[in-house]
Amino acid sequence: MASKQLGSILDSIPAATAKGQNKVTSEIPRIDFHHQGKVMDRTIQKEDRLVARIPKELKDEIKQYVSSHSGLTERAVLLQALQKFGFKVEDEWLVDQRTRR
């Protein structure tokens, strides 16, 4: 299907939101997180995905390291490495997000 045809089809479909409801608010809600018996009240941080091509051997080594250290994720390994390079990494970012739910 040509892009002109697709554009025509998409233009004919009504919007999924009601009129006037597509305004985005800039406020971010505060949430209480219960982690290891502590209540952490913090503002939700916006996150972005970082994509980098690395050698497969290194990726496999990271996976093996994560699987041998319970409670550790690839995200935490990379954040710890960035922290050692001098980047500002909050301690709460190193906690596995699945334990917060």
PDB file of N, CA and C in Angstrom:
ATOM      1  N   MET A   1       0.854  -1.172   0.000  1.00  0.00           N
ATOM      2  CA  MET A   1       0.000   0.000   0.000  1.00  0.00           C
ATOM      3  C   MET A   1       0.896   1.229   0.000  1.00  0.00           C
ATOM      4  N   ALA A   2       0.636   2.149  -0.871  1.00  0.00           N
ATOM      5  CA  ALA A   2       1.437   3.364  -0.964  1.00  0.00           C
ATOM      6  C   ALA A   2       1.171   4.256   0.242  1.00  0.00           C
ATOM      7  N   SER A   3       2.140   5.082   0.560  1.00  0.00           N
ATOM      8  CA  SER A   3       1.997   5.951   1.727  1.00  0.00           C
ATOM      9  C   SER A   3       0.877   6.966   1.533  1.00  0.00           C
ATOM     10  N   LYS A   4       0.597   7.365   0.302  1.00  0.00           N
ATOM     11  CA  LYS A   4      -0.509   8.291   0.051  1.00  0.00           C
ATOM     12  C   LYS A   4      -1.842   7.627   0.374  1.00  0.00           C
ATOM     13  N   GLN A   5      -1.958   6.345   0.002  1.00  0.00           N
ATOM     14  CA  GLN A   5      -3.184   5.616   0.307  1.00  0.00           C
ATOM     15  C   GLN A   5      -3.347   5.449   1.809  1.00  0.00           C
ATOM     16  N   LEU A   6      -2.275   5.120   2.487  1.00  0.00           N
ATOM     17  CA  LEU A   6      -2.327   4.945   3.934  1.00  0.00           C
ATOM     18  C   LEU A   6      -2.689   6.259   4.610  1.00  0.00           C
ATOM     19  N   GLY A   7      -2.081   7.353   4.160  1.00  0.00           N
ATOM     20  CA  GLY A   7      -2.393   8.667   4.718  1.00  0.00           C
ATOM     21  C   GLY A   7      -3.856   9.024   4.521  1.00  0.00           C
ATOM     22  N   SER A   8      -4.388   8.695   3.361  1.00  0.00           N
ATOM     23  CA  SER A   8      -5.792   8.971   3.074  1.00  0.00           C
ATOM     24  C   SER A   8      -6.706   8.178   4.000  1.00  0.00           C
ATOM     25  N   ILE A   9      -6.376   6.919   4.209  1.00  0.00           N
ATOM     26  CA  ILE A   9      -7.172   6.066   5.102  1.00  0.00           C
ATOM     27  C   ILE A   9      -7.110   6.586   6.528  1.00  0.00           C
ATOM     28  N   LEU A  10      -5.909   6.929   6.999  1.00  0.00           N
ATOM     29  CA  LEU A  10      -5.758   7.412   8.363  1.00  0.00           C
ATOM     30  C   LEU A  10      -6.454   8.755   8.575  1.00  0.00           C
ATOM     31  N   ASP A  11      -6.477   9.590   7.540  1.00  0.00           N
ATOM     32  CA  ASP A  11      -7.158  10.884   7.653  1.00  0.00           C
ATOM     33  C   ASP A  11      -8.671  10.719   7.758  1.00  0.00           C
ATOM     34  N   SER A  12      -9.200   9.632   7.217  1.00  0.00           N
ATOM     35  CA  SER A  12     -10.650   9.431   7.234  1.00  0.00           C
ATOM     36  C   SER A  12     -11.137   8.822   8.553  1.00  0.00           C
ATOM     37  N   ILE A  13     -10.231   8.344   9.388  1.00  0.00           N
ATOM     38  CA  ILE A  13     -10.596   7.723  10.670  1.00  0.00           C
ATOM     39  C   ILE A  13     -10.730   8.820  11.722  1.00  0.00           C
ATOM     40  N   PRO A  14     -11.816   8.797  12.513  1.00  0.00           N
ATOM     41  CA  PRO A  14     -11.965   9.828  13.551  1.00  0.00           C
ATOM     42  C   PRO A  14     -10.920   9.649  14.661  1.00  0.00           C
ATOM     43  N   ALA A  15     -10.639  10.739  15.347  1.00  0.00           N
ATOM     44  CA  ALA A  15      -9.652  10.717  16.426  1.00  0.00           C
ATOM     45  C   ALA A  15     -10.147   9.842  17.573  1.00  0.00           C
ATOM     46  N   ALA A  16      -9.211   9.241  18.302  1.00  0.00           N
ATOM     47  CA  ALA A  16      -9.559   8.352  19.404  1.00  0.00           C
ATOM     48  C   ALA A  16      -9.890   9.114  20.684  1.00  0.00           C
ATOM     49  N   THR A  17      -9.572  10.392  20.730  1.00  0.00           N
ATOM     50  CA  THR A  17      -9.857  11.190  21.919  1.00  0.00           C
ATOM     51  C   THR A  17     -11.011  12.136  21.649  1.00  0.00           C
ATOM     52  N   ALA A  18     -11.730  12.468  22.710  1.00  0.00           N
ATOM     53  CA  ALA A  18     -12.831  13.422  22.568  1.00  0.00           C
ATOM     54  C   ALA A  18     -12.259  14.807  22.319  1.00  0.00           C
ATOM     55  N   LYS A  19     -13.029  15.649  21.675  1.00  0.00           N
ATOM     56  CA  LYS A  19     -12.549  16.996  21.379  1.00  0.00           C
ATOM     57  C   LYS A  19     -12.231  17.724  22.680  1.00  0.00           C
ATOM     58  N   GLY A  20     -11.085  18.383  22.710  1.00  0.00           N
ATOM     59  CA  GLY A  20     -10.676  19.123  23.896  1.00  0.00           C
ATOM     60  C   GLY A  20      -9.979  18.263  24.936  1.00  0.00           C
ATOM     61  N   GLN A  21      -9.912  16.977  24.736  1.00  0.00           N
ATOM     62  CA  GLN A  21      -9.305  16.073  25.715  1.00  0.00           C
ATOM     63  C   GLN A  21      -7.868  15.715  25.385  1.00  0.00           C
ATOM     64  N   ASN A  22      -7.321  16.239  24.300  1.00  0.00           N
ATOM     65  CA  ASN A  22      -5.968  15.865  23.890  1.00  0.00           C
ATOM     66  C   ASN A  22      -4.912  16.812  24.453  1.00  0.00           C
ATOM     67  N   LYS A  23      -5.244  17.596  25.471  1.00  0.00           N
ATOM     68  CA  LYS A  23      -4.270  18.476  26.094  1.00  0.00           C
ATOM     69  C   LYS A  23      -3.408  17.657  27.053  1.00  0.00           C
ATOM     70  N   VAL A  24      -2.108  17.863  26.988  1.00  0.00           N
ATOM     71  CA  VAL A  24      -1.177  17.137  27.846  1.00  0.00           C
ATOM     72  C   VAL A  24      -0.850  18.016  29.038  1.00  0.00           C
ATOM     73  N   THR A  25      -0.993  17.459  30.238  1.00  0.00           N
ATOM     74  CA  THR A  25      -0.653  18.229  31.425  1.00  0.00           C
ATOM     75  C   THR A  25       0.816  18.061  31.720  1.00  0.00           C
ATOM     76  N   SER A  26       1.424  19.105  32.245  1.00  0.00           N
ATOM     77  CA  SER A  26       2.853  19.053  32.540  1.00  0.00           C
ATOM     78  C   SER A  26       3.124  18.600  33.969  1.00  0.00           C
ATOM     79  N   GLU A  27       2.081  18.419  34.757  1.00  0.00           N
ATOM     80  CA  GLU A  27       2.270  17.990  36.138  1.00  0.00           C
ATOM     81  C   GLU A  27       2.544  16.497  36.189  1.00  0.00           C
ATOM     82  N   ILE A  28       3.467  16.126  37.043  1.00  0.00           N
ATOM     83  CA  ILE A  28       3.799  14.720  37.229  1.00  0.00           C
ATOM     84  C   ILE A  28       3.354  14.335  38.630  1.00  0.00           C
ATOM     85  N   PRO A  29       2.541  13.281  38.769  1.00  0.00           N
ATOM     86  CA  PRO A  29       2.025  12.931  40.092  1.00  0.00           C
ATOM     87  C   PRO A  29       3.121  12.392  41.007  1.00  0.00           C
ATOM     88  N   ARG A  30       2.899  12.551  42.308  1.00  0.00           N
ATOM     89  CA  ARG A  30       3.817  12.005  43.303  1.00  0.00           C
ATOM     90  C   ARG A  30       3.277  10.655  43.736  1.00  0.00           C
ATOM     91  N   ILE A  31       4.169   9.702  43.939  1.00  0.00           N
ATOM     92  CA  ILE A  31       3.776   8.346  44.311  1.00  0.00           C
ATOM     93  C   ILE A  31       4.602   7.909  45.502  1.00  0.00           C
ATOM     94  N   ASP A  32       3.962   7.197  46.441  1.00  0.00           N
ATOM     95  CA  ASP A  32       4.690   6.617  47.565  1.00  0.00           C
ATOM     96  C   ASP A  32       5.103   5.207  47.177  1.00  0.00           C
ATOM     97  N   PHE A  33       6.410   4.934  47.214  1.00  0.00           N
ATOM     98  CA  PHE A  33       6.919   3.612  46.903  1.00  0.00           C
ATOM     99  C   PHE A  33       7.306   2.926  48.198  1.00  0.00           C
ATOM    100  N   HIS A  34       6.934   1.668  48.336  1.00  0.00           N
ATOM    101  CA  HIS A  34       7.316   0.878  49.494  1.00  0.00           C
ATOM    102  C   HIS A  34       8.441  -0.048  49.060  1.00  0.00           C
ATOM    103  N   HIS A  35       9.635   0.206  49.538  1.00  0.00           N
ATOM    104  CA  HIS A  35      10.782  -0.607  49.159  1.00  0.00           C
ATOM    105  C   HIS A  35      11.548  -0.981  50.409  1.00  0.00           C
ATOM    106  N   GLN A  36      11.665  -2.259  50.669  1.00  0.00           N
ATOM    107  CA  GLN A  36      12.397  -2.794  51.809  1.00  0.00           C
ATOM    108  C   GLN A  36      11.935  -2.148  53.115  1.00  0.00           C
ATOM    109  N   GLY A  37      10.613  -2.027  53.266  1.00  0.00           N
ATOM    110  CA  GLY A  37      10.062  -1.504  54.502  1.00  0.00           C
ATOM    111  C   GLY A  37      10.107   0.009  54.614  1.00  0.00           C
ATOM    112  N   LYS A  38      10.677   0.695  53.644  1.00  0.00           N
ATOM    113  CA  LYS A  38      10.768   2.152  53.675  1.00  0.00           C
ATOM    114  C   LYS A  38       9.775   2.725  52.682  1.00  0.00           C
ATOM    115  N   VAL A  39       9.225   3.867  53.023  1.00  0.00           N
ATOM    116  CA  VAL A  39       8.344   4.556  52.099  1.00  0.00           C
ATOM    117  C   VAL A  39       9.150   5.654  51.440  1.00  0.00           C
ATOM    118  N   MET A  40       9.236   5.583  50.118  1.00  0.00           N
ATOM    119  CA  MET A  40       9.977   6.597  49.381  1.00  0.00           C
ATOM    120  C   MET A  40       8.967   7.458  48.627  1.00  0.00           C
ATOM    121  N   ASP A  41       8.841   8.706  49.008  1.00  0.00           N
ATOM    122  CA  ASP A  41       7.948   9.633  48.334  1.00  0.00           C
ATOM    123  C   ASP A  41       8.786  10.417  47.332  1.00  0.00           C
ATOM    124  N   ARG A  42       8.527  10.215  46.048  1.00  0.00           N
ATOM    125  CA  ARG A  42       9.320  10.907  45.053  1.00  0.00           C
ATOM    126  C   ARG A  42       8.471  11.185  43.827  1.00  0.00           C
ATOM    127  N   THR A  43       8.903  12.128  43.065  1.00  0.00           N
ATOM    128  CA  THR A  43       8.239  12.451  41.817  1.00  0.00           C
ATOM    129  C   THR A  43       8.686  11.446  40.765  1.00  0.00           C
ATOM    130  N   ILE A  44       7.757  11.016  39.945  1.00  0.00           N
ATOM    131  CA  ILE A  44       8.084  10.049  38.898  1.00  0.00           C
ATOM    132  C   ILE A  44       9.067  10.689  37.933  1.00  0.00           C
ATOM    133  N   GLN A  45      10.143   9.987  37.648  1.00  0.00           N
ATOM    134  CA  GLN A  45      11.162  10.470  36.722  1.00  0.00           C
ATOM    135  C   GLN A  45      10.779  10.039  35.308  1.00  0.00           C
ATOM    136  N   LYS A  46      10.923  10.954  34.383  1.00  0.00           N
ATOM    137  CA  LYS A  46      10.741  10.562  32.986  1.00  0.00           C
ATOM    138  C   LYS A  46      11.969   9.773  32.581  1.00  0.00           C
ATOM    139  N   GLU A  47      11.754   8.725  31.822  1.00  0.00           N
ATOM    140  CA  GLU A  47      12.855   7.886  31.375  1.00  0.00           C
ATOM    141  C   GLU A  47      12.897   7.876  29.860  1.00  0.00           C
ATOM    142  N   ASP A  48      14.061   7.605  29.341  1.00  0.00           N
ATOM    143  CA  ASP A  48      14.247   7.498  27.900  1.00  0.00           C
ATOM    144  C   ASP A  48      15.088   6.259  27.637  1.00  0.00           C
ATOM    145  N   ARG A  49      14.939   5.698  26.491  1.00  0.00           N
ATOM    146  CA  ARG A  49      15.660   4.480  26.135  1.00  0.00           C
ATOM    147  C   ARG A  49      16.995   4.854  25.499  1.00  0.00           C
ATOM    148  N   LEU A  50      18.051   4.173  25.913  1.00  0.00           N
ATOM    149  CA  LEU A  50      19.383   4.347  25.343  1.00  0.00           C
ATOM    150  C   LEU A  50      19.696   3.096  24.535  1.00  0.00           C
ATOM    151  N   VAL A  51      19.991   3.279  23.274  1.00  0.00           N
ATOM    152  CA  VAL A  51      20.265   2.144  22.398  1.00  0.00           C
ATOM    153  C   VAL A  51      21.698   2.264  21.895  1.00  0.00           C
ATOM    154  N   ALA A  52      22.462   1.201  22.082  1.00  0.00           N
ATOM    155  CA  ALA A  52      23.844   1.186  21.610  1.00  0.00           C
ATOM    156  C   ALA A  52      24.164  -0.207  21.082  1.00  0.00           C
ATOM    157  N   ARG A  53      24.877  -0.264  20.012  1.00  0.00           N
ATOM    158  CA  ARG A  53      25.309  -1.549  19.455  1.00  0.00           C
ATOM    159  C   ARG A  53      26.610  -1.936  20.140  1.00  0.00           C
ATOM    160  N   ILE A  54      26.605  -3.128  20.738  1.00  0.00           N
ATOM    161  CA  ILE A  54      27.806  -3.631  21.409  1.00  0.00           C
ATOM    162  C   ILE A  54      28.098  -5.029  20.875  1.00  0.00           C
ATOM    163  N   PRO A  55      29.327  -5.500  21.021  1.00  0.00           N
ATOM    164  CA  PRO A  55      29.650  -6.860  20.568  1.00  0.00           C
ATOM    165  C   PRO A  55      28.803  -7.904  21.293  1.00  0.00           C
ATOM    166  N   LYS A  56      28.388  -8.928  20.560  1.00  0.00           N
ATOM    167  CA  LYS A  56      27.540  -9.975  21.126  1.00  0.00           C
ATOM    168  C   LYS A  56      28.210 -10.653  22.313  1.00  0.00           C
ATOM    169  N   GLU A  57      29.530 -10.837  22.260  1.00  0.00           N
ATOM    170  CA  GLU A  57      30.239 -11.479  23.364  1.00  0.00           C
ATOM    171  C   GLU A  57      30.082 -10.671  24.656  1.00  0.00           C
ATOM    172  N   LEU A  58      30.121  -9.343  24.536  1.00  0.00           N
ATOM    173  CA  LEU A  58      29.958  -8.485  25.708  1.00  0.00           C
ATOM    174  C   LEU A  58      28.533  -8.565  26.231  1.00  0.00           C
ATOM    175  N   LYS A  59      27.561  -8.558  25.337  1.00  0.00           N
ATOM    176  CA  LYS A  59      26.159  -8.677  25.739  1.00  0.00           C
ATOM    177  C   LYS A  59      25.929 -10.003  26.460  1.00  0.00           C
ATOM    178  N   ASP A  60      26.494 -11.082  25.937  1.00  0.00           N
ATOM    179  CA  ASP A  60      26.361 -12.391  26.579  1.00  0.00           C
ATOM    180  C   ASP A  60      27.019 -12.399  27.955  1.00  0.00           C
ATOM    181  N   GLU A  61      28.159 -11.731  28.075  1.00  0.00           N
ATOM    182  CA  GLU A  61      28.858 -11.661  29.363  1.00  0.00           C
ATOM    183  C   GLU A  61      28.037 -10.875  30.388  1.00  0.00           C
ATOM    184  N   ILE A  62      27.393  -9.801  29.943  1.00  0.00           N
ATOM    185  CA  ILE A  62      26.536  -9.017  30.840  1.00  0.00           C
ATOM    186  C   ILE A  62      25.349  -9.855  31.292  1.00  0.00           C
ATOM    187  N   LYS A  63      24.730 -10.591  30.355  1.00  0.00           N
ATOM    188  CA  LYS A  63      23.602 -11.461  30.698  1.00  0.00           C
ATOM    189  C   LYS A  63      24.012 -12.523  31.717  1.00  0.00           C
ATOM    190  N   GLN A  64      25.182 -13.117  31.517  1.00  0.00           N
ATOM    191  CA  GLN A  64      25.673 -14.137  32.438  1.00  0.00           C
ATOM    192  C   GLN A  64      25.920 -13.530  33.820  1.00  0.00           C
ATOM    193  N   TYR A  65      26.493 -12.332  33.862  1.00  0.00           N
ATOM    194  CA  TYR A  65      26.759 -11.651  35.124  1.00  0.00           C
ATOM    195  C   TYR A  65      25.454 -11.363  35.864  1.00  0.00           C
ATOM    196  N   VAL A  66      24.442 -10.890  35.127  1.00  0.00           N
ATOM    197  CA  VAL A  66      23.147 -10.570  35.725  1.00  0.00           C
ATOM    198  C   VAL A  66      22.471 -11.832  36.246  1.00  0.00           C
ATOM    199  N   SER A  67      22.551 -12.924  35.492  1.00  0.00           N
ATOM    200  CA  SER A  67      21.902 -14.161  35.928  1.00  0.00           C
ATOM    201  C   SER A  67      22.574 -14.764  37.150  1.00  0.00           C
ATOM    202  N   SER A  68      23.866 -14.501  37.338  1.00  0.00           N
ATOM    203  CA  SER A  68      24.562 -15.051  38.510  1.00  0.00           C
ATOM    204  C   SER A  68      24.443 -14.155  39.739  1.00  0.00           C
ATOM    205  N   HIS A  69      23.916 -12.944  39.580  1.00  0.00           N
ATOM    206  CA  HIS A  69      23.721 -12.018  40.701  1.00  0.00           C
ATOM    207  C   HIS A  69      22.226 -11.709  40.807  1.00  0.00           C
ATOM    208  N   SER A  70      21.543 -12.386  41.722  1.00  0.00           N
ATOM    209  CA  SER A  70      20.099 -12.189  41.836  1.00  0.00           C
ATOM    210  C   SER A  70      19.782 -10.765  42.271  1.00  0.00           C
ATOM    211  N   GLY A  71      18.684 -10.235  41.749  1.00  0.00           N
ATOM    212  CA  GLY A  71      18.256  -8.887  42.078  1.00  0.00           C
ATOM    213  C   GLY A  71      18.943  -7.815  41.261  1.00  0.00           C
ATOM    214  N   LEU A  72      19.817  -8.203  40.358  1.00  0.00           N
ATOM    215  CA  LEU A  72      20.539  -7.248  39.527  1.00  0.00           C
ATOM    216  C   LEU A  72      19.988  -7.320  38.106  1.00  0.00           C
ATOM    217  N   THR A  73      19.894  -6.185  37.458  1.00  0.00           N
ATOM    218  CA  THR A  73      19.396  -6.140  36.082  1.00  0.00           C
ATOM    219  C   THR A  73      20.465  -5.530  35.179  1.00  0.00           C
ATOM    220  N   GLU A  74      20.293  -5.699  33.872  1.00  0.00           N
ATOM    221  CA  GLU A  74      21.214  -5.092  32.913  1.00  0.00           C
ATOM    222  C   GLU A  74      21.218  -3.575  33.085  1.00  0.00           C
ATOM    223  N   ARG A  75      20.044  -3.013  33.357  1.00  0.00           N
ATOM    224  CA  ARG A  75      19.924  -1.574  33.571  1.00  0.00           C
ATOM    225  C   ARG A  75      20.787  -1.136  34.749  1.00  0.00           C
ATOM    226  N   ALA A  76      20.728  -1.887  35.841  1.00  0.00           N
ATOM    227  CA  ALA A  76      21.501  -1.541  37.029  1.00  0.00           C
ATOM    228  C   ALA A  76      23.003  -1.662  36.759  1.00  0.00           C
ATOM    229  N   VAL A  77      23.406  -2.669  36.001  1.00  0.00           N
ATOM    230  CA  VAL A  77      24.827  -2.839  35.666  1.00  0.00           C
ATOM    231  C   VAL A  77      25.329  -1.631  34.877  1.00  0.00           C
ATOM    232  N   LEU A  78      24.552  -1.209  33.879  1.00  0.00           N
ATOM    233  CA  LEU A  78      24.958  -0.066  33.065  1.00  0.00           C
ATOM    234  C   LEU A  78      24.963   1.232  33.872  1.00  0.00           C
ATOM    235  N   LEU A  79      23.962   1.407  34.748  1.00  0.00           N
ATOM    236  CA  LEU A  79      23.934   2.612  35.579  1.00  0.00           C
ATOM    237  C   LEU A  79      25.109   2.648  36.551  1.00  0.00           C
ATOM    238  N   GLN A  80      25.477   1.484  37.108  1.00  0.00           N
ATOM    239  CA  GLN A  80      26.633   1.433  38.003  1.00  0.00           C
ATOM    240  C   GLN A  80      27.912   1.793  37.251  1.00  0.00           C
ATOM    241  N   ALA A  81      28.030   1.326  36.014  1.00  0.00           N
ATOM    242  CA  ALA A  81      29.210   1.654  35.208  1.00  0.00           C
ATOM    243  C   ALA A  81      29.260   3.155  34.931  1.00  0.00           C
ATOM    244  N   LEU A  82      28.114   3.741  34.600  1.00  0.00           N
ATOM    245  CA  LEU A  82      28.066   5.189  34.362  1.00  0.00           C
ATOM    246  C   LEU A  82      28.406   5.972  35.627  1.00  0.00           C
ATOM    247  N   GLN A  83      27.966   5.451  36.769  1.00  0.00           N
ATOM    248  CA  GLN A  83      28.269   6.089  38.051  1.00  0.00           C
ATOM    249  C   GLN A  83      29.772   6.076  38.311  1.00  0.00           C
ATOM    250  N   LYS A  84      30.438   4.989  37.969  1.00  0.00           N
ATOM    251  CA  LYS A  84      31.886   4.893  38.168  1.00  0.00           C
ATOM    252  C   LYS A  84      32.647   5.819  37.226  1.00  0.00           C
ATOM    253  N   PHE A  85      32.043   6.174  36.100  1.00  0.00           N
ATOM    254  CA  PHE A  85      32.657   7.124  35.182  1.00  0.00           C
ATOM    255  C   PHE A  85      32.443   8.572  35.632  1.00  0.00           C
ATOM    256  N   GLY A  86      31.677   8.755  36.707  1.00  0.00           N
ATOM    257  CA  GLY A  86      31.479  10.090  37.245  1.00  0.00           C
ATOM    258  C   GLY A  86      30.142  10.725  36.917  1.00  0.00           C
ATOM    259  N   PHE A  87      29.262   9.989  36.254  1.00  0.00           N
ATOM    260  CA  PHE A  87      27.931  10.513  35.982  1.00  0.00           C
ATOM    261  C   PHE A  87      27.103  10.499  37.259  1.00  0.00           C
ATOM    262  N   LYS A  88      26.182  11.448  37.380  1.00  0.00           N
ATOM    263  CA  LYS A  88      25.320  11.518  38.554  1.00  0.00           C
ATOM    264  C   LYS A  88      24.219  10.474  38.408  1.00  0.00           C
ATOM    265  N   VAL A  89      24.272   9.442  39.220  1.00  0.00           N
ATOM    266  CA  VAL A  89      23.282   8.365  39.203  1.00  0.00           C
ATOM    267  C   VAL A  89      22.724   8.245  40.613  1.00  0.00           C
ATOM    268  N   GLU A  90      21.415   8.480  40.751  1.00  0.00           N
ATOM    269  CA  GLU A  90      20.763   8.380  42.054  1.00  0.00           C
ATOM    270  C   GLU A  90      20.720   6.916  42.493  1.00  0.00           C
ATOM    271  N   ASP A  91      20.852   6.675  43.795  1.00  0.00           N
ATOM    272  CA  ASP A  91      20.822   5.306  44.312  1.00  0.00           C
ATOM    273  C   ASP A  91      19.494   4.614  44.023  1.00  0.00           C
ATOM    274  N   GLU A  92      18.402   5.372  44.048  1.00  0.00           N
ATOM    275  CA  GLU A  92      17.100   4.754  43.804  1.00  0.00           C
ATOM    276  C   GLU A  92      16.947   4.275  42.357  1.00  0.00           C
ATOM    277  N   TRP A  93      17.753   4.801  41.441  1.00  0.00           N
ATOM    278  CA  TRP A  93      17.712   4.338  40.060  1.00  0.00           C
ATOM    279  C   TRP A  93      18.331   2.950  39.920  1.00  0.00           C
ATOM    280  N   LEU A  94      19.169   2.573  40.881  1.00  0.00           N
ATOM    281  CA  LEU A  94      19.851   1.276  40.825  1.00  0.00           C
ATOM    282  C   LEU A  94      18.956   0.142  41.327  1.00  0.00           C
ATOM    283  N   VAL A  95      17.848   0.469  41.967  1.00  0.00           N
ATOM    284  CA  VAL A  95      16.943  -0.546  42.506  1.00  0.00           C
ATOM    285  C   VAL A  95      16.113  -1.113  41.369  1.00  0.00           C
ATOM    286  N   ASP A  96      15.959  -2.419  41.356  1.00  0.00           N
ATOM    287  CA  ASP A  96      15.159  -3.080  40.327  1.00  0.00           C
ATOM    288  C   ASP A  96      13.727  -2.564  40.405  1.00  0.00           C
ATOM    289  N   GLN A  97      13.210  -2.027  39.324  1.00  0.00           N
ATOM    290  CA  GLN A  97      11.892  -1.426  39.327  1.00  0.00           C
ATOM    291  C   GLN A  97      10.795  -2.447  39.586  1.00  0.00           C
ATOM    292  N   ARG A  98      11.056  -3.702  39.301  1.00  0.00           N
ATOM    293  CA  ARG A  98      10.028  -4.731  39.543  1.00  0.00           C
ATOM    294  C   ARG A  98       9.793  -4.938  41.031  1.00  0.00           C
ATOM    295  N   THR A  99      10.749  -4.569  41.892  1.00  0.00           N
ATOM    296  CA  THR A  99      10.553  -4.735  43.335  1.00  0.00           C
ATOM    297  C   THR A  99       9.707  -3.624  43.913  1.00  0.00           C
ATOM    298  N   ARG A 100       9.470  -2.559  43.170  1.00  0.00           N
ATOM    299  CA  ARG A 100       8.670  -1.435  43.644  1.00  0.00           C
ATOM    300  C   ARG A 100       7.175  -1.687  43.526  1.00  0.00           C
ATOM    301  N   ARG A 101       6.775  -2.649  42.721  1.00  0.00           N
ATOM    302  CA  ARG A 101       5.345  -2.874  42.462  1.00  0.00           C
ATOM    303  C   ARG A 101       4.709  -3.690  43.544  1.00  0.00           C
TER     304      ARG A 101
END
